[in-house]
Amino acid sequence: MKPVSDQTLYEVLEVPRSATPHEVRRAYERARALFGPGSLASYTLLDPEEAESLSHRIEEARSILLDPQARAAYDERLPEAREPAAHPAPPIDAARISAAADVRRPPASAPAVPATAVGPPDGSPWTGGLIRQAREATGLSVLDLSDRTKVQRSCIESIEAERFDQLPPAVYLRGIVLSIADALRLDGQAVARSYVERAAAARAPTRSR
């Protein structure tokens, strides 16, 4: 993934060069909500310099791409290139989550807590309450877990309380939950998959009959 500074304004907003003003505006609002100042992703996935650079580029994209004359002049300066994919990767690759969070696994001497000791019965989902029980079973406070994983304390609390509306999209949430589960010596893949599915179901809009 190219650095944000090397991406075109279209790539920053994840829209094709043929995007309409309405599509650009929607993409800007989505990017601003996800990566703007104060967002969860901006302080759990990015260092301050990256967050500031990305925020600046998002605002630059809005300013230029929603101004017909400025956009036409900008397009003339762009080299001919392939249109971005319909669903491109986000500006910050999800594969970087663990590295960005600087996850520190517990030392080898830390007591292992088998998932079965605090986990759900076969086929049952991993809930925020069970993750909290697993943390408490290790004797760790939320602050301790935050120190180990570099995940913000407020994010851990929201995961345990299942405040799904305050959590990032699934692509980022999975990496965060995986980091937490690994630090608790649980089956990270199983916990992350189960919890993200639960969050997705809770976020799904209710369809009226």
Protein backbone atom coordinates (compact mmCIF):
# COMPACT_ATOMS: atom_id res chain seq x y z
CA MET A 1 0.00 0.00 0.00
CA LYS A 2 1.38 3.37 -1.05
CA PRO A 3 1.94 6.01 1.61
CA VAL A 4 -0.92 8.47 1.89
CA SER A 5 1.29 11.24 0.51
CA ASP A 6 1.81 9.22 -2.70
CA GLN A 7 -1.87 8.42 -3.26
CA THR A 8 -4.06 10.44 -5.58
CA LEU A 9 -6.96 12.31 -4.03
CA TYR A 10 -9.26 9.72 -5.57
CA GLU A 11 -7.34 6.93 -3.88
CA VAL A 12 -7.48 8.75 -0.56
CA LEU A 13 -11.29 8.83 -0.74
CA GLU A 14 -11.45 5.40 -2.42
CA VAL A 15 -13.49 6.57 -5.39
CA PRO A 16 -12.88 6.24 -9.15
CA ARG A 17 -11.96 9.28 -11.22
CA SER A 18 -15.44 9.13 -12.72
CA ALA A 19 -17.10 9.59 -9.30
CA THR A 20 -19.94 12.09 -9.16
CA PRO A 21 -19.91 14.99 -6.67
CA HIS A 22 -22.47 13.10 -4.61
CA GLU A 23 -20.23 10.02 -4.50
CA VAL A 24 -17.23 12.17 -3.59
CA ARG A 25 -19.16 13.86 -0.78
CA ARG A 26 -20.32 10.53 0.64
CA ALA A 27 -16.79 9.11 0.42
CA TYR A 28 -15.42 12.20 2.20
CA GLU A 29 -17.95 11.87 5.02
CA ARG A 30 -17.11 8.18 5.41
CA ALA A 31 -13.36 8.84 5.47
CA ARG A 32 -13.77 11.76 7.86
CA ALA A 33 -15.83 9.64 10.26
CA LEU A 34 -13.36 6.77 10.14
CA PHE A 35 -10.03 8.60 10.13
CA GLY A 36 -10.77 12.17 11.18
CA PRO A 37 -9.52 13.76 14.41
CA GLY A 38 -10.89 12.00 17.48
CA SER A 39 -11.97 8.86 15.61
CA LEU A 40 -11.20 5.47 17.11
CA ALA A 41 -9.07 4.39 14.15
CA SER A 42 -6.99 7.56 14.29
CA TYR A 43 -5.73 6.85 17.79
CA THR A 44 -5.66 3.05 17.81
CA LEU A 45 -4.16 2.42 14.36
CA LEU A 46 -2.15 5.53 13.49
CA ASP A 47 0.64 7.43 15.08
CA PRO A 48 0.03 11.20 15.44
CA GLU A 49 2.04 12.09 12.33
CA GLU A 50 0.19 9.56 10.16
CA ALA A 51 -3.17 10.68 11.51
CA GLU A 52 -2.43 14.34 10.80
CA SER A 53 -1.19 13.59 7.28
CA LEU A 54 -4.23 11.47 6.44
CA SER A 55 -6.64 14.05 7.87
CA HIS A 56 -4.99 16.78 5.78
CA ARG A 57 -5.22 14.71 2.59
CA ILE A 58 -8.89 13.91 3.23
CA GLU A 59 -9.68 17.62 3.55
CA GLU A 60 -7.61 18.39 0.45
CA ALA A 61 -9.52 15.76 -1.50
CA ARG A 62 -12.87 17.27 -0.50
CA SER A 63 -11.75 20.81 -1.35
CA ILE A 64 -10.43 19.95 -4.82
CA LEU A 65 -12.74 17.17 -5.99
CA LEU A 66 -15.91 19.09 -5.11
CA ASP A 67 -14.74 22.18 -6.96
CA PRO A 68 -15.35 21.60 -10.70
CA GLN A 69 -12.58 23.94 -11.90
CA ALA A 70 -10.03 22.75 -9.35
CA ARG A 71 -10.90 19.14 -10.11
CA ALA A 72 -10.50 19.63 -13.87
CA ALA A 73 -7.09 21.22 -13.35
CA TYR A 74 -6.08 18.42 -10.97
CA ASP A 75 -7.22 15.73 -13.42
CA GLU A 76 -5.08 17.26 -16.17
CA ARG A 77 -2.00 16.81 -14.00
CA LEU A 78 -2.72 13.15 -13.26
CA PRO A 79 -1.02 10.51 -15.38
CA GLU A 80 -3.23 8.01 -17.12
CA ALA A 81 -3.83 5.18 -14.68
CA ARG A 82 -6.13 2.29 -14.03
CA GLU A 83 -9.32 3.05 -12.21
CA PRO A 84 -9.23 1.88 -8.57
CA ALA A 85 -11.06 -1.33 -7.79
CA ALA A 86 -14.73 -1.10 -6.85
CA HIS A 87 -13.87 -2.02 -3.28
CA PRO A 88 -10.24 -0.96 -2.73
CA ALA A 89 -8.32 -1.54 0.44
CA PRO A 90 -8.67 1.22 3.04
CA PRO A 91 -5.90 3.83 3.28
CA ILE A 92 -4.41 1.94 6.22
CA ASP A 93 -3.91 -1.73 5.41
CA ALA A 94 -5.72 -3.95 7.91
CA ALA A 95 -2.66 -6.20 7.97
CA ARG A 96 -0.81 -3.40 9.77
CA ILE A 97 -3.15 -3.39 12.76
CA SER A 98 -1.02 -5.57 14.97
CA ALA A 99 2.15 -3.66 14.08
CA ALA A 100 0.44 -0.27 14.49
CA ALA A 101 -0.84 -1.32 17.87
CA ASP A 102 2.67 -2.53 18.81
CA VAL A 103 1.18 -5.63 20.38
CA ARG A 104 3.31 -7.10 23.11
CA ARG A 105 2.47 -10.68 23.93
CA PRO A 106 2.62 -11.79 27.56
CA PRO A 107 5.98 -13.20 28.63
CA ALA A 108 6.48 -16.94 28.41
CA SER A 109 6.20 -17.18 32.17
CA ALA A 110 2.71 -15.67 32.21
CA PRO A 111 0.07 -18.22 33.21
CA ALA A 112 -1.82 -19.62 30.27
CA VAL A 113 -5.59 -19.45 30.47
CA PRO A 114 -7.17 -22.10 28.26
CA ALA A 115 -10.12 -20.84 26.24
CA THR A 116 -12.23 -23.67 27.61
CA ALA A 117 -11.76 -22.34 31.15
CA VAL A 118 -13.63 -19.15 30.42
CA GLY A 119 -14.93 -19.71 26.92
CA PRO A 120 -18.47 -20.38 25.73
CA PRO A 121 -19.96 -23.83 25.19
CA ASP A 122 -19.38 -25.29 21.75
CA GLY A 123 -21.24 -23.29 19.15
CA SER A 124 -21.94 -20.34 21.41
CA PRO A 125 -20.59 -16.87 20.53
CA TRP A 126 -17.82 -15.01 22.26
CA THR A 127 -19.49 -12.07 23.93
CA GLY A 128 -18.02 -8.97 25.49
CA GLY A 129 -18.89 -10.39 28.90
CA LEU A 130 -16.87 -13.54 28.24
CA ILE A 131 -13.89 -11.51 27.10
CA ARG A 132 -14.15 -9.54 30.33
CA GLN A 133 -14.29 -12.82 32.33
CA ALA A 134 -11.19 -14.06 30.50
CA ARG A 135 -9.37 -10.83 31.36
CA GLU A 136 -10.39 -11.02 35.00
CA ALA A 137 -9.36 -14.68 35.14
CA THR A 138 -5.82 -13.62 34.26
CA GLY A 139 -5.83 -11.00 37.01
CA LEU A 140 -5.44 -8.16 34.51
CA SER A 141 -7.21 -4.82 34.79
CA VAL A 142 -8.40 -2.96 31.72
CA LEU A 143 -5.41 -0.67 32.12
CA ASP A 144 -3.04 -3.67 32.28
CA LEU A 145 -4.52 -5.07 29.08
CA SER A 146 -4.30 -1.69 27.41
CA ASP A 147 -0.61 -1.46 28.32
CA ARG A 148 0.08 -4.92 26.87
CA THR A 149 -1.82 -4.48 23.61
CA LYS A 150 -1.57 -0.71 23.08
CA VAL A 151 -5.32 -0.72 22.45
CA GLN A 152 -7.01 2.29 24.00
CA ARG A 153 -8.67 1.63 27.36
CA SER A 154 -11.96 3.10 26.12
CA CYS A 155 -11.92 0.69 23.16
CA ILE A 156 -11.42 -2.33 25.44
CA GLU A 157 -14.25 -1.13 27.67
CA SER A 158 -16.53 -0.70 24.65
CA ILE A 159 -15.69 -4.22 23.45
CA GLU A 160 -16.46 -5.74 26.84
CA ALA A 161 -19.67 -3.71 27.20
CA GLU A 162 -20.64 -4.47 23.58
CA ARG A 163 -21.10 -0.81 22.72
CA PHE A 164 -20.94 -1.75 19.05
CA ASP A 165 -21.83 1.76 17.84
CA GLN A 166 -18.59 3.04 19.39
CA LEU A 167 -16.36 0.42 17.74
CA PRO A 168 -14.58 0.65 14.35
CA PRO A 169 -15.60 -1.25 11.20
CA ALA A 170 -15.14 -5.01 11.10
CA VAL A 171 -11.85 -4.89 9.17
CA TYR A 172 -10.23 -3.03 12.09
CA LEU A 173 -12.29 -4.51 14.91
CA ARG A 174 -11.12 -8.00 14.02
CA GLY A 175 -7.46 -7.07 14.44
CA ILE A 176 -8.12 -5.31 17.74
CA VAL A 177 -10.07 -8.24 19.21
CA LEU A 178 -7.41 -10.64 17.92
CA SER A 179 -4.73 -8.66 19.77
CA ILE A 180 -6.76 -8.69 22.99
CA ALA A 181 -7.50 -12.42 22.73
CA ASP A 182 -3.85 -13.25 22.05
CA ALA A 183 -2.80 -11.24 25.10
CA LEU A 184 -5.26 -13.27 27.17
CA ARG A 185 -3.86 -16.55 25.77
CA LEU A 186 -7.17 -17.40 24.08
CA ASP A 187 -7.77 -18.75 20.60
CA GLY A 188 -7.44 -15.38 18.91
CA GLN A 189 -8.86 -16.40 15.54
CA ALA A 190 -11.92 -18.01 17.08
CA VAL A 191 -12.61 -15.15 19.47
CA ALA A 192 -12.17 -12.46 16.81
CA ARG A 193 -14.31 -14.27 14.25
CA SER A 194 -17.12 -14.88 16.75
CA TYR A 195 -17.10 -11.37 18.21
CA VAL A 196 -16.97 -9.61 14.84
CA GLU A 197 -19.90 -11.70 13.60
CA ARG A 198 -21.82 -10.74 16.73
CA ALA A 199 -21.01 -7.06 16.20
CA ALA A 200 -22.06 -7.24 12.54
CA ALA A 201 -25.38 -8.80 13.47
CA ALA A 202 -26.03 -6.12 16.09
CA ARG A 203 -25.20 -3.34 13.64
CA ALA A 204 -27.34 -4.73 10.83
CA PRO A 205 -30.36 -2.48 10.19
CA THR A 206 -33.68 -3.92 11.29
CA ARG A 207 -35.98 -4.49 8.36
CA SER A 208 -39.63 -3.82 8.94
CA ARG A 209 -41.99 -6.45 7.70
